[in-house]
Amino acid sequence: MVGFKNFSQHAVYMPVGVRGLRHKRAKRNNLTLMHLMPFLQNNHTDKYMDLLNYERNLYQNGVKLIAGVDEVGRGPLAGPMIVAAVILNLDKVFKLAEKYAKDDELTLKDAHRINDVSQQKNLDLESWQKYQKINDSKKVSEKHRNELNPFIRLEAVSFSIVQISNTDIDRVGISQATQGCFFQSIQKLKIKPDYVFTDTFPIKNLTKDCQSNIKHGDSLSISIAAASIIGKVYRDNLMRSLHEQYPEYGFDKHKGYGTKYHIEMLIKHGPCAIHRKSFSPVKEMLEN
């Protein structure tokens, strides 16, 4: 296990078993992150909840550096798995939300027609409109994902991308691969988070009161959604490159997932070097 001795003093993640750490601002309010957990966990049932609610609950209690973590490519039959982590600039996000939330009908075109709108206000409105497009990568069109990818990378306080190959997935198993990549994605962040949101999976090497594991988190948390977008764009581009090496499988289309066409090409050509040999039906094909 990688040690924690070089981590920022403000980071709240620690080896399993260490408890009782408080965020410095929450401490001043005599409030621990654990006190916030029931409020966080209950919010996912609110059908009106927007993508900022999870972040807002912590932000209003002084927790600003929140990392969203998500995986892309856990289930495909071929190619690597990617895990991305993103810490958004929540000061800016909530400032823009407060500024524009009441102006739902306002568009950039409208802003340009107003003579006294400054260039900075135009830039702020452009940013707000892009933040509003951030969502679960599966719900965002490829065109918009490609537009949001550089925006998220530029706007983020910090982000990281971790990759594990199909051969390493076969060697350690998908569960251990997922745990390792989630943990490494936090380690690789240049600025360390005060709190972590993950999509479903708990990170075993982080203490429980420093993370929330949100089912369908990429549809409920803007931080997780941002991670899902940069992770998917990265993996999709990688699979397009791998398609050039193995064009007969159509990796540029299905990205390694077990589509009907992919299975047909597997039967016709057999597995190639980037197929996951521990995954069915690739495993059965090799055994037979």
C-alpha atoms as a PDB file:
ATOM      1  CA  MET A   1       0.000   0.000   0.000  1.00  0.00           C
ATOM      2  CA  VAL A   2       1.312   3.438  -0.842  1.00  0.00           C
ATOM      3  CA  GLY A   3       1.975   5.517   2.270  1.00  0.00           C
ATOM      4  CA  PHE A   4       0.249   8.740   3.165  1.00  0.00           C
ATOM      5  CA  LYS A   5       3.157  10.651   4.664  1.00  0.00           C
ATOM      6  CA  ASN A   6       3.581  12.984   1.668  1.00  0.00           C
ATOM      7  CA  PHE A   7      -0.082  13.927   1.439  1.00  0.00           C
ATOM      8  CA  SER A   8      -1.385  17.417   2.138  1.00  0.00           C
ATOM      9  CA  GLN A   9      -2.177  18.168   5.778  1.00  0.00           C
ATOM     10  CA  HIS A  10      -5.672  19.135   4.671  1.00  0.00           C
ATOM     11  CA  ALA A  11      -6.433  15.803   3.035  1.00  0.00           C
ATOM     12  CA  VAL A  12      -8.894  13.753   5.025  1.00  0.00           C
ATOM     13  CA  TYR A  13      -8.206  10.325   3.602  1.00  0.00           C
ATOM     14  CA  MET A  14      -6.187   7.945   5.742  1.00  0.00           C
ATOM     15  CA  PRO A  15      -5.422   4.256   6.045  1.00  0.00           C
ATOM     16  CA  VAL A  16      -8.369   2.114   7.077  1.00  0.00           C
ATOM     17  CA  GLY A  17      -8.852   2.122  10.840  1.00  0.00           C
ATOM     18  CA  VAL A  18      -7.905   5.750  11.460  1.00  0.00           C
ATOM     19  CA  ARG A  19     -10.973   7.641  12.617  1.00  0.00           C
ATOM     20  CA  GLY A  20     -12.030  10.973  14.096  1.00  0.00           C
ATOM     21  CA  LEU A  21     -10.391  13.373  11.639  1.00  0.00           C
ATOM     22  CA  ARG A  22     -12.313  16.576  11.147  1.00  0.00           C
ATOM     23  CA  HIS A  23     -12.146  19.106   8.405  1.00  0.00           C
ATOM     24  CA  LYS A  24     -10.585  22.289   9.841  1.00  0.00           C
ATOM     25  CA  ARG A  25     -13.578  24.487   9.040  1.00  0.00           C
ATOM     26  CA  ALA A  26     -16.102  21.929  10.160  1.00  0.00           C
ATOM     27  CA  LYS A  27     -14.185  21.655  13.426  1.00  0.00           C
ATOM     28  CA  ARG A  28     -14.680  25.341  14.094  1.00  0.00           C
ATOM     29  CA  ASN A  29     -18.408  24.759  13.725  1.00  0.00           C
ATOM     30  CA  ASN A  30     -18.176  21.704  16.028  1.00  0.00           C
ATOM     31  CA  LEU A  31     -19.283  19.610  13.056  1.00  0.00           C
ATOM     32  CA  THR A  32     -17.650  16.452  11.750  1.00  0.00           C
ATOM     33  CA  LEU A  33     -18.033  15.049   8.267  1.00  0.00           C
ATOM     34  CA  MET A  34     -19.646  11.992   9.801  1.00  0.00           C
ATOM     35  CA  HIS A  35     -22.486  14.219  11.021  1.00  0.00           C
ATOM     36  CA  LEU A  36     -23.179  15.125   7.419  1.00  0.00           C
ATOM     37  CA  MET A  37     -23.403  11.552   6.179  1.00  0.00           C
ATOM     38  CA  PRO A  38     -27.112  10.860   6.853  1.00  0.00           C
ATOM     39  CA  PHE A  39     -27.994  14.096   5.092  1.00  0.00           C
ATOM     40  CA  LEU A  40     -25.840  13.119   2.132  1.00  0.00           C
ATOM     41  CA  GLN A  41     -27.128   9.578   1.877  1.00  0.00           C
ATOM     42  CA  ASN A  42     -30.801  10.574   2.071  1.00  0.00           C
ATOM     43  CA  ASN A  43     -30.568  13.132  -0.683  1.00  0.00           C
ATOM     44  CA  HIS A  44     -30.360  10.610  -3.523  1.00  0.00           C
ATOM     45  CA  THR A  45     -34.033   9.762  -2.996  1.00  0.00           C
ATOM     46  CA  ASP A  46     -35.141  13.311  -3.726  1.00  0.00           C
ATOM     47  CA  LYS A  47     -36.473  13.187  -7.273  1.00  0.00           C
ATOM     48  CA  TYR A  48     -35.924  16.930  -7.663  1.00  0.00           C
ATOM     49  CA  MET A  49     -32.259  16.811  -6.694  1.00  0.00           C
ATOM     50  CA  ASP A  50     -29.925  18.467  -9.174  1.00  0.00           C
ATOM     51  CA  LEU A  51     -26.289  17.642  -9.820  1.00  0.00           C
ATOM     52  CA  LEU A  52     -25.066  20.216  -7.301  1.00  0.00           C
ATOM     53  CA  ASN A  53     -26.946  19.023  -4.238  1.00  0.00           C
ATOM     54  CA  TYR A  54     -24.356  16.556  -2.948  1.00  0.00           C
ATOM     55  CA  GLU A  55     -21.594  19.118  -3.377  1.00  0.00           C
ATOM     56  CA  ARG A  56     -23.721  21.908  -1.908  1.00  0.00           C
ATOM     57  CA  ASN A  57     -24.364  19.998   1.318  1.00  0.00           C
ATOM     58  CA  LEU A  58     -20.644  19.771   2.054  1.00  0.00           C
ATOM     59  CA  TYR A  59     -19.694  23.136   0.542  1.00  0.00           C
ATOM     60  CA  GLN A  60     -22.064  24.990   2.857  1.00  0.00           C
ATOM     61  CA  ASN A  61     -20.215  23.394   5.776  1.00  0.00           C
ATOM     62  CA  GLY A  62     -16.802  24.519   4.588  1.00  0.00           C
ATOM     63  CA  VAL A  63     -15.728  21.484   2.556  1.00  0.00           C
ATOM     64  CA  LYS A  64     -14.612  22.772  -0.843  1.00  0.00           C
ATOM     65  CA  LEU A  65     -12.114  20.294  -2.265  1.00  0.00           C
ATOM     66  CA  ILE A  66     -14.374  17.412  -3.284  1.00  0.00           C
ATOM     67  CA  ALA A  67     -13.089  14.760  -5.683  1.00  0.00           C
ATOM     68  CA  GLY A  68     -15.511  12.898  -7.906  1.00  0.00           C
ATOM     69  CA  VAL A  69     -14.290   9.465  -9.028  1.00  0.00           C
ATOM     70  CA  ASP A  70     -15.724   7.214 -11.733  1.00  0.00           C
ATOM     71  CA  GLU A  71     -14.658   4.261 -13.830  1.00  0.00           C
ATOM     72  CA  VAL A  72     -15.098   3.765 -17.559  1.00  0.00           C
ATOM     73  CA  GLY A  73     -14.740   0.378 -19.222  1.00  0.00           C
ATOM     74  CA  ARG A  74     -15.206  -1.998 -16.312  1.00  0.00           C
ATOM     75  CA  GLY A  75     -17.474  -4.334 -18.266  1.00  0.00           C
ATOM     76  CA  PRO A  76     -16.071  -4.549 -21.823  1.00  0.00           C
ATOM     77  CA  LEU A  77     -14.565  -7.724 -23.255  1.00  0.00           C
ATOM     78  CA  ALA A  78     -11.508  -5.864 -24.544  1.00  0.00           C
ATOM     79  CA  GLY A  79      -9.273  -2.944 -23.799  1.00  0.00           C
ATOM     80  CA  PRO A  80      -8.230  -1.203 -20.589  1.00  0.00           C
ATOM     81  CA  MET A  81     -10.323   0.158 -17.756  1.00  0.00           C
ATOM     82  CA  ILE A  82     -10.014   3.863 -16.994  1.00  0.00           C
ATOM     83  CA  VAL A  83     -10.667   5.625 -13.697  1.00  0.00           C
ATOM     84  CA  ALA A  84     -10.807   9.423 -13.570  1.00  0.00           C
ATOM     85  CA  ALA A  85     -10.919  11.776 -10.604  1.00  0.00           C
ATOM     86  CA  VAL A  86     -11.906  15.444 -10.790  1.00  0.00           C
ATOM     87  CA  ILE A  87     -11.921  18.242  -8.217  1.00  0.00           C
ATOM     88  CA  LEU A  88     -14.039  21.073  -9.591  1.00  0.00           C
ATOM     89  CA  ASN A  89     -13.653  24.710  -8.584  1.00  0.00           C
ATOM     90  CA  LEU A  90     -16.779  24.817  -6.429  1.00  0.00           C
ATOM     91  CA  ASP A  91     -16.225  28.450  -5.485  1.00  0.00           C
ATOM     92  CA  LYS A  92     -16.683  29.307  -9.148  1.00  0.00           C
ATOM     93  CA  VAL A  93     -19.467  26.795  -9.765  1.00  0.00           C
ATOM     94  CA  PHE A  94     -21.641  28.094  -6.927  1.00  0.00           C
ATOM     95  CA  LYS A  95     -20.859  31.709  -7.742  1.00  0.00           C
ATOM     96  CA  LEU A  96     -22.078  31.124 -11.308  1.00  0.00           C
ATOM     97  CA  ALA A  97     -25.081  29.159 -10.065  1.00  0.00           C
ATOM     98  CA  GLU A  98     -26.083  32.003  -7.784  1.00  0.00           C
ATOM     99  CA  LYS A  99     -25.578  34.509 -10.583  1.00  0.00           C
ATOM    100  CA  TYR A 100     -27.459  32.721 -13.360  1.00  0.00           C
ATOM    101  CA  ALA A 101     -29.785  30.173 -11.769  1.00  0.00           C
ATOM    102  CA  LYS A 102     -32.698  32.615 -11.796  1.00  0.00           C
ATOM    103  CA  ASP A 103     -32.086  33.501 -15.430  1.00  0.00           C
ATOM    104  CA  ASP A 104     -32.929  30.133 -16.996  1.00  0.00           C
ATOM    105  CA  GLU A 105     -34.153  31.805 -20.168  1.00  0.00           C
ATOM    106  CA  LEU A 106     -31.005  33.884 -20.605  1.00  0.00           C
ATOM    107  CA  THR A 107     -28.789  32.753 -23.480  1.00  0.00           C
ATOM    108  CA  LEU A 108     -25.412  33.882 -24.719  1.00  0.00           C
ATOM    109  CA  LYS A 109     -27.114  35.398 -27.750  1.00  0.00           C
ATOM    110  CA  ASP A 110     -29.300  37.458 -25.410  1.00  0.00           C
ATOM    111  CA  ALA A 111     -26.235  38.596 -23.500  1.00  0.00           C
ATOM    112  CA  HIS A 112     -24.515  39.845 -26.652  1.00  0.00           C
ATOM    113  CA  ARG A 113     -27.548  41.984 -27.429  1.00  0.00           C
ATOM    114  CA  ILE A 114     -27.198  43.829 -24.129  1.00  0.00           C
ATOM    115  CA  ASN A 115     -24.741  46.685 -24.655  1.00  0.00           C
ATOM    116  CA  ASP A 116     -23.540  46.922 -21.072  1.00  0.00           C
ATOM    117  CA  VAL A 117     -22.654  43.229 -20.745  1.00  0.00           C
ATOM    118  CA  SER A 118     -18.907  43.001 -20.269  1.00  0.00           C
ATOM    119  CA  GLN A 119     -16.616  40.466 -21.877  1.00  0.00           C
ATOM    120  CA  GLN A 120     -16.106  38.841 -18.481  1.00  0.00           C
ATOM    121  CA  LYS A 121     -19.846  38.436 -18.031  1.00  0.00           C
ATOM    122  CA  ASN A 122     -20.018  36.774 -21.436  1.00  0.00           C
ATOM    123  CA  LEU A 123     -17.242  34.394 -20.414  1.00  0.00           C
ATOM    124  CA  ASP A 124     -19.022  33.659 -17.144  1.00  0.00           C
ATOM    125  CA  LEU A 125     -22.235  32.876 -18.984  1.00  0.00           C
ATOM    126  CA  GLU A 126     -20.393  30.587 -21.411  1.00  0.00           C
ATOM    127  CA  SER A 127     -18.867  28.760 -18.453  1.00  0.00           C
ATOM    128  CA  TRP A 128     -22.208  28.407 -16.686  1.00  0.00           C
ATOM    129  CA  GLN A 129     -23.838  26.988 -19.799  1.00  0.00           C
ATOM    130  CA  LYS A 130     -21.052  24.402 -20.089  1.00  0.00           C
ATOM    131  CA  TYR A 131     -21.332  23.466 -16.428  1.00  0.00           C
ATOM    132  CA  GLN A 132     -25.045  22.894 -16.993  1.00  0.00           C
ATOM    133  CA  LYS A 133     -24.226  20.363 -19.726  1.00  0.00           C
ATOM    134  CA  ILE A 134     -22.119  18.203 -17.398  1.00  0.00           C
ATOM    135  CA  ASN A 135     -23.929  14.953 -16.671  1.00  0.00           C
ATOM    136  CA  ASP A 136     -23.455  11.201 -16.738  1.00  0.00           C
ATOM    137  CA  SER A 137     -21.281  10.629 -19.818  1.00  0.00           C
ATOM    138  CA  LYS A 138     -23.811   8.099 -21.124  1.00  0.00           C
ATOM    139  CA  LYS A 139     -26.434  10.849 -21.201  1.00  0.00           C
ATOM    140  CA  VAL A 140     -24.205  13.359 -23.003  1.00  0.00           C
ATOM    141  CA  SER A 141     -23.739  13.181 -26.765  1.00  0.00           C
ATOM    142  CA  GLU A 142     -20.288  12.436 -28.148  1.00  0.00           C
ATOM    143  CA  LYS A 143     -20.130  15.949 -29.599  1.00  0.00           C
ATOM    144  CA  HIS A 144     -20.853  17.543 -26.223  1.00  0.00           C
ATOM    145  CA  ARG A 145     -18.484  15.164 -24.406  1.00  0.00           C
ATOM    146  CA  ASN A 146     -15.681  16.259 -26.707  1.00  0.00           C
ATOM    147  CA  GLU A 147     -16.548  19.905 -26.044  1.00  0.00           C
ATOM    148  CA  LEU A 148     -16.751  19.419 -22.284  1.00  0.00           C
ATOM    149  CA  ASN A 149     -13.556  17.357 -21.976  1.00  0.00           C
ATOM    150  CA  PRO A 150     -11.082  20.273 -22.417  1.00  0.00           C
ATOM    151  CA  PHE A 151     -13.385  22.587 -20.449  1.00  0.00           C
ATOM    152  CA  ILE A 152     -13.438  20.269 -17.430  1.00  0.00           C
ATOM    153  CA  ARG A 153      -9.677  19.741 -17.568  1.00  0.00           C
ATOM    154  CA  LEU A 154      -9.055  23.487 -17.749  1.00  0.00           C
ATOM    155  CA  GLU A 155     -11.599  24.460 -15.071  1.00  0.00           C
ATOM    156  CA  ALA A 156     -10.731  21.713 -12.588  1.00  0.00           C
ATOM    157  CA  VAL A 157      -8.666  22.452  -9.502  1.00  0.00           C
ATOM    158  CA  SER A 158      -7.067  19.071 -10.187  1.00  0.00           C
ATOM    159  CA  PHE A 159      -7.814  15.934 -12.183  1.00  0.00           C
ATOM    160  CA  SER A 160      -6.221  12.552 -12.782  1.00  0.00           C
ATOM    161  CA  ILE A 161      -6.653   9.589 -15.099  1.00  0.00           C
ATOM    162  CA  VAL A 162      -5.532   6.050 -14.243  1.00  0.00           C
ATOM    163  CA  GLN A 163      -5.404   3.180 -16.719  1.00  0.00           C
ATOM    164  CA  ILE A 164      -5.110  -0.568 -16.186  1.00  0.00           C
ATOM    165  CA  SER A 165      -4.519  -2.916 -19.098  1.00  0.00           C
ATOM    166  CA  ASN A 166      -6.548  -5.971 -20.024  1.00  0.00           C
ATOM    167  CA  THR A 167      -3.624  -8.218 -19.067  1.00  0.00           C
ATOM    168  CA  ASP A 168      -3.430  -6.714 -15.576  1.00  0.00           C
ATOM    169  CA  ILE A 169      -7.204  -7.025 -15.215  1.00  0.00           C
ATOM    170  CA  ASP A 170      -6.865 -10.726 -16.070  1.00  0.00           C
ATOM    171  CA  ARG A 171      -4.004 -11.072 -13.586  1.00  0.00           C
ATOM    172  CA  VAL A 172      -5.575  -9.433 -10.513  1.00  0.00           C
ATOM    173  CA  GLY A 173      -9.304  -9.638 -11.282  1.00  0.00           C
ATOM    174  CA  ILE A 174     -11.720  -6.830 -12.017  1.00  0.00           C
ATOM    175  CA  SER A 175     -12.598  -6.135  -8.357  1.00  0.00           C
ATOM    176  CA  GLN A 176      -9.004  -5.636  -7.265  1.00  0.00           C
ATOM    177  CA  ALA A 177      -8.306  -3.687 -10.453  1.00  0.00           C
ATOM    178  CA  THR A 178     -11.199  -1.342  -9.668  1.00  0.00           C
ATOM    179  CA  GLN A 179     -10.040  -0.792  -6.080  1.00  0.00           C
ATOM    180  CA  GLY A 180      -6.458  -0.151  -7.137  1.00  0.00           C
ATOM    181  CA  CYS A 181      -7.420   2.343  -9.827  1.00  0.00           C
ATOM    182  CA  PHE A 182      -9.871   4.245  -7.621  1.00  0.00           C
ATOM    183  CA  PHE A 183      -7.216   4.638  -4.936  1.00  0.00           C
ATOM    184  CA  GLN A 184      -4.497   5.589  -7.436  1.00  0.00           C
ATOM    185  CA  SER A 185      -6.742   8.221  -8.998  1.00  0.00           C
ATOM    186  CA  ILE A 186      -6.854  10.004  -5.618  1.00  0.00           C
ATOM    187  CA  GLN A 187      -3.116   9.592  -5.115  1.00  0.00           C
ATOM    188  CA  LYS A 188      -2.373  11.141  -8.514  1.00  0.00           C
ATOM    189  CA  LEU A 189      -4.308  14.347  -7.834  1.00  0.00           C
ATOM    190  CA  LYS A 190      -1.812  17.183  -7.461  1.00  0.00           C
ATOM    191  CA  ILE A 191      -4.154  18.919  -5.028  1.00  0.00           C
ATOM    192  CA  LYS A 192      -5.531  16.546  -2.450  1.00  0.00           C
ATOM    193  CA  PRO A 193      -9.262  16.447  -1.679  1.00  0.00           C
ATOM    194  CA  ASP A 194     -10.990  16.997   1.634  1.00  0.00           C
ATOM    195  CA  TYR A 195     -13.716  14.530   0.664  1.00  0.00           C
ATOM    196  CA  VAL A 196     -14.386  11.953  -2.055  1.00  0.00           C
ATOM    197  CA  PHE A 197     -17.540  11.039  -3.963  1.00  0.00           C
ATOM    198  CA  THR A 198     -17.467   7.754  -5.877  1.00  0.00           C
ATOM    199  CA  ASP A 199     -19.966   6.155  -8.223  1.00  0.00           C
ATOM    200  CA  THR A 200     -21.167   3.161  -6.184  1.00  0.00           C
ATOM    201  CA  PHE A 201     -17.818   1.612  -5.223  1.00  0.00           C
ATOM    202  CA  PRO A 202     -16.291   2.366  -1.798  1.00  0.00           C
ATOM    203  CA  ILE A 203     -12.533   2.866  -1.759  1.00  0.00           C
ATOM    204  CA  LYS A 204     -11.316   0.411   0.858  1.00  0.00           C
ATOM    205  CA  ASN A 205      -8.038   2.227   1.492  1.00  0.00           C
ATOM    206  CA  LEU A 206      -9.847   5.445   2.398  1.00  0.00           C
ATOM    207  CA  THR A 207     -11.564   5.779   5.735  1.00  0.00           C
ATOM    208  CA  LYS A 208     -15.340   5.547   5.467  1.00  0.00           C
ATOM    209  CA  ASP A 209     -16.120   8.967   6.926  1.00  0.00           C
ATOM    210  CA  CYS A 210     -14.081  10.636   4.178  1.00  0.00           C
ATOM    211  CA  GLN A 211     -16.159   9.353   1.259  1.00  0.00           C
ATOM    212  CA  SER A 212     -19.702   8.900  -0.004  1.00  0.00           C
ATOM    213  CA  ASN A 213     -20.430   6.049  -2.412  1.00  0.00           C
ATOM    214  CA  ILE A 214     -23.417   7.145  -4.451  1.00  0.00           C
ATOM    215  CA  LYS A 215     -25.442   4.695  -6.502  1.00  0.00           C
ATOM    216  CA  HIS A 216     -25.854   6.168 -10.006  1.00  0.00           C
ATOM    217  CA  GLY A 217     -23.507   8.883  -8.791  1.00  0.00           C
ATOM    218  CA  ASP A 218     -22.606  10.007 -12.299  1.00  0.00           C
ATOM    219  CA  SER A 219     -26.233  11.152 -12.649  1.00  0.00           C
ATOM    220  CA  LEU A 220     -26.419  12.731  -9.189  1.00  0.00           C
ATOM    221  CA  SER A 221     -23.101  14.476  -8.545  1.00  0.00           C
ATOM    222  CA  ILE A 222     -21.499  17.023 -10.876  1.00  0.00           C
ATOM    223  CA  SER A 223     -18.031  15.989  -9.652  1.00  0.00           C
ATOM    224  CA  ILE A 224     -18.575  12.319 -10.510  1.00  0.00           C
ATOM    225  CA  ALA A 225     -20.242  13.293 -13.795  1.00  0.00           C
ATOM    226  CA  ALA A 226     -17.215  15.407 -14.743  1.00  0.00           C
ATOM    227  CA  ALA A 227     -14.927  12.441 -14.012  1.00  0.00           C
ATOM    228  CA  SER A 228     -17.140  10.161 -16.116  1.00  0.00           C
ATOM    229  CA  ILE A 229     -16.859  12.527 -19.089  1.00  0.00           C
ATOM    230  CA  ILE A 230     -13.080  12.961 -19.147  1.00  0.00           C
ATOM    231  CA  GLY A 231     -12.643   9.240 -18.494  1.00  0.00           C
ATOM    232  CA  LYS A 232     -14.949   8.229 -21.330  1.00  0.00           C
ATOM    233  CA  VAL A 233     -13.400  10.636 -23.850  1.00  0.00           C
ATOM    234  CA  TYR A 234      -9.954   9.321 -22.922  1.00  0.00           C
ATOM    235  CA  ARG A 235     -10.965   5.661 -23.265  1.00  0.00           C
ATOM    236  CA  ASP A 236     -12.980   6.172 -26.466  1.00  0.00           C
ATOM    237  CA  ASN A 237      -9.978   7.826 -28.118  1.00  0.00           C
ATOM    238  CA  LEU A 238      -7.748   4.998 -26.914  1.00  0.00           C
ATOM    239  CA  MET A 239     -10.091   2.367 -28.359  1.00  0.00           C
ATOM    240  CA  ARG A 240     -10.139   4.194 -31.696  1.00  0.00           C
ATOM    241  CA  SER A 241      -6.345   3.974 -31.730  1.00  0.00           C
ATOM    242  CA  LEU A 242      -6.475   0.264 -30.898  1.00  0.00           C
ATOM    243  CA  HIS A 243      -8.967  -0.199 -33.733  1.00  0.00           C
ATOM    244  CA  GLU A 244      -6.180   0.750 -36.148  1.00  0.00           C
ATOM    245  CA  GLN A 245      -4.150  -2.215 -34.866  1.00  0.00           C
ATOM    246  CA  TYR A 246      -7.108  -4.626 -34.842  1.00  0.00           C
ATOM    247  CA  PRO A 247      -9.570  -3.264 -37.434  1.00  0.00           C
ATOM    248  CA  GLU A 248     -11.463  -6.541 -37.877  1.00  0.00           C
ATOM    249  CA  TYR A 249     -13.209  -6.230 -34.480  1.00  0.00           C
ATOM    250  CA  GLY A 250     -14.781  -2.785 -34.842  1.00  0.00           C
ATOM    251  CA  PHE A 251     -13.362  -1.346 -31.617  1.00  0.00           C
ATOM    252  CA  ASP A 252     -13.968   2.168 -32.937  1.00  0.00           C
ATOM    253  CA  LYS A 253     -17.721   1.486 -32.807  1.00  0.00           C
ATOM    254  CA  HIS A 254     -18.423  -0.627 -29.706  1.00  0.00           C
ATOM    255  CA  LYS A 255     -15.269   0.308 -27.713  1.00  0.00           C
ATOM    256  CA  GLY A 256     -14.790  -3.310 -26.636  1.00  0.00           C
ATOM    257  CA  TYR A 257     -18.253  -3.894 -25.189  1.00  0.00           C
ATOM    258  CA  GLY A 258     -19.995  -7.188 -25.906  1.00  0.00           C
ATOM    259  CA  THR A 259     -22.256  -6.093 -28.738  1.00  0.00           C
ATOM    260  CA  LYS A 260     -23.722  -8.560 -31.212  1.00  0.00           C
ATOM    261  CA  TYR A 261     -21.235  -7.457 -33.870  1.00  0.00           C
ATOM    262  CA  HIS A 262     -18.304  -7.796 -31.470  1.00  0.00           C
ATOM    263  CA  ILE A 263     -19.329 -11.341 -30.518  1.00  0.00           C
ATOM    264  CA  GLU A 264     -19.702 -12.250 -34.188  1.00  0.00           C
ATOM    265  CA  MET A 265     -16.172 -10.958 -34.906  1.00  0.00           C
ATOM    266  CA  LEU A 266     -14.830 -12.824 -31.880  1.00  0.00           C
ATOM    267  CA  ILE A 267     -16.309 -16.060 -33.210  1.00  0.00           C
ATOM    268  CA  LYS A 268     -14.945 -15.358 -36.677  1.00  0.00           C
ATOM    269  CA  HIS A 269     -11.420 -14.196 -35.783  1.00  0.00           C
ATOM    270  CA  GLY A 270     -10.891 -15.414 -32.226  1.00  0.00           C
ATOM    271  CA  PRO A 271      -9.608 -13.225 -29.391  1.00  0.00           C
ATOM    272  CA  CYS A 272      -6.775 -10.765 -30.002  1.00  0.00           C
ATOM    273  CA  ALA A 273      -4.094  -9.384 -27.700  1.00  0.00           C
ATOM    274  CA  ILE A 274      -6.315  -6.766 -26.060  1.00  0.00           C
ATOM    275  CA  HIS A 275      -9.216  -9.090 -25.195  1.00  0.00           C
ATOM    276  CA  ARG A 276      -9.786  -9.890 -21.530  1.00  0.00           C
ATOM    277  CA  LYS A 277      -9.116 -13.578 -21.284  1.00  0.00           C
ATOM    278  CA  SER A 278     -10.790 -13.916 -17.886  1.00  0.00           C
ATOM    279  CA  PHE A 279     -14.097 -12.529 -19.196  1.00  0.00           C
ATOM    280  CA  SER A 280     -16.872 -14.649 -20.654  1.00  0.00           C
ATOM    281  CA  PRO A 281     -17.268 -15.582 -23.524  1.00  0.00           C
ATOM    282  CA  VAL A 282     -13.584 -14.923 -24.330  1.00  0.00           C
ATOM    283  CA  LYS A 283     -12.522 -17.327 -21.582  1.00  0.00           C
ATOM    284  CA  GLU A 284     -14.716 -20.136 -22.950  1.00  0.00           C
ATOM    285  CA  MET A 285     -13.469 -19.564 -26.493  1.00  0.00           C
ATOM    286  CA  LEU A 286      -9.872 -19.981 -25.360  1.00  0.00           C
ATOM    287  CA  GLU A 287     -10.670 -23.065 -23.280  1.00  0.00           C
ATOM    288  CA  ASN A 288     -12.352 -24.748 -26.245  1.00  0.00           C
END
